[in-house]
Amino acid sequence: MGYILRFLWNATRGHRLAPWRSPYLLWRVETYCGVKIEQIGFLVFWEFVWRERGSLWRFLKWTAEMERYVHPKINAP
């Protein structure tokens, strides 16, 4: 769960209380569903999040898996 929270924390940098204003998240929404960045506001963003919640959850789990792959924990004796 920590990796998921870390991704969300980094993705909303500078816009943590208003993630629909995050340039990175706006770009991701635009490339995923084709809605222009200028058209994405509070309602459009949250409708997208609700509609695609299953896909977003799978994406967040995948990012956590990739993070664990790139930075494996080393077990010290």
Protein backbone atom coordinates (compact mmCIF):
# COMPACT_ATOMS: atom_id res chain seq x y z
CA MET A 1 0.00 0.00 0.00
CA GLY A 2 2.95 2.30 0.64
CA TYR A 3 4.01 2.20 -3.01
CA ILE A 4 0.50 3.16 -4.14
CA LEU A 5 0.42 6.10 -1.75
CA ARG A 6 3.90 7.14 -2.86
CA PHE A 7 2.79 7.18 -6.51
CA LEU A 8 -0.30 9.24 -5.69
CA TRP A 9 1.77 11.61 -3.55
CA ASN A 10 4.27 12.14 -6.38
CA ALA A 11 1.62 12.38 -9.12
CA THR A 12 -0.23 15.16 -7.31
CA ARG A 13 2.83 17.20 -6.32
CA GLY A 14 1.81 20.83 -5.95
CA HIS A 15 -1.88 19.94 -6.28
CA ARG A 16 -2.49 17.47 -3.48
CA LEU A 17 -5.72 19.08 -2.29
CA ALA A 18 -6.93 19.53 -5.88
CA PRO A 19 -5.68 16.54 -7.92
CA TRP A 20 -7.84 17.55 -10.91
CA ARG A 21 -5.40 20.46 -11.40
CA SER A 22 -2.27 18.29 -11.48
CA PRO A 23 -0.67 18.63 -14.94
CA TYR A 24 0.57 15.03 -14.77
CA LEU A 25 -2.85 13.59 -13.92
CA LEU A 26 -4.56 15.82 -16.50
CA TRP A 27 -2.13 14.56 -19.14
CA ARG A 28 -2.79 10.94 -18.08
CA VAL A 29 -6.58 11.43 -18.30
CA GLU A 30 -6.24 13.13 -21.69
CA THR A 31 -4.10 10.35 -23.15
CA TYR A 32 -6.29 7.62 -21.66
CA CYS A 33 -9.72 8.82 -22.75
CA GLY A 34 -9.10 11.63 -25.24
CA VAL A 35 -10.78 14.45 -23.30
CA LYS A 36 -8.86 17.68 -23.87
CA ILE A 37 -7.01 19.07 -20.86
CA GLU A 38 -8.92 22.36 -21.07
CA GLN A 39 -12.21 20.46 -20.64
CA ILE A 40 -11.17 18.54 -17.53
CA GLY A 41 -12.47 20.14 -14.37
CA PHE A 42 -13.58 18.92 -10.97
CA LEU A 43 -16.63 16.99 -12.15
CA VAL A 44 -15.06 15.50 -15.28
CA PHE A 45 -12.02 14.38 -13.28
CA TRP A 46 -14.04 12.67 -10.54
CA GLU A 47 -16.48 11.13 -13.04
CA PHE A 48 -13.47 9.67 -14.83
CA VAL A 49 -11.99 8.37 -11.55
CA TRP A 50 -15.31 6.76 -10.57
CA ARG A 51 -15.98 5.26 -14.01
CA GLU A 52 -12.45 3.87 -14.38
CA ARG A 53 -11.85 2.95 -10.73
CA GLY A 54 -11.19 -0.71 -11.55
CA SER A 55 -8.62 0.12 -14.19
CA LEU A 56 -7.04 2.77 -11.98
CA TRP A 57 -6.76 0.32 -9.09
CA ARG A 58 -5.07 -2.23 -11.37
CA PHE A 59 -2.71 0.50 -12.62
CA LEU A 60 -1.80 1.49 -9.06
CA LYS A 61 -1.14 -2.13 -8.12
CA TRP A 62 1.04 -2.46 -11.24
CA THR A 63 3.04 0.65 -10.31
CA ALA A 64 3.60 -0.84 -6.84
CA GLU A 65 4.78 -4.08 -8.42
CA MET A 66 7.19 -2.22 -10.71
CA GLU A 67 8.49 -0.16 -7.78
CA ARG A 68 9.20 -3.35 -5.82
CA TYR A 69 10.93 -4.78 -8.88
CA VAL A 70 13.12 -1.71 -9.39
CA HIS A 71 13.89 -1.21 -5.67
CA PRO A 72 13.86 -4.66 -4.02
CA LYS A 73 14.21 -4.83 -0.27
CA ILE A 74 17.51 -6.34 0.76
CA ASN A 75 17.21 -8.71 3.69
CA ALA A 76 20.03 -8.01 6.10
CA PRO A 77 21.25 -10.89 8.29
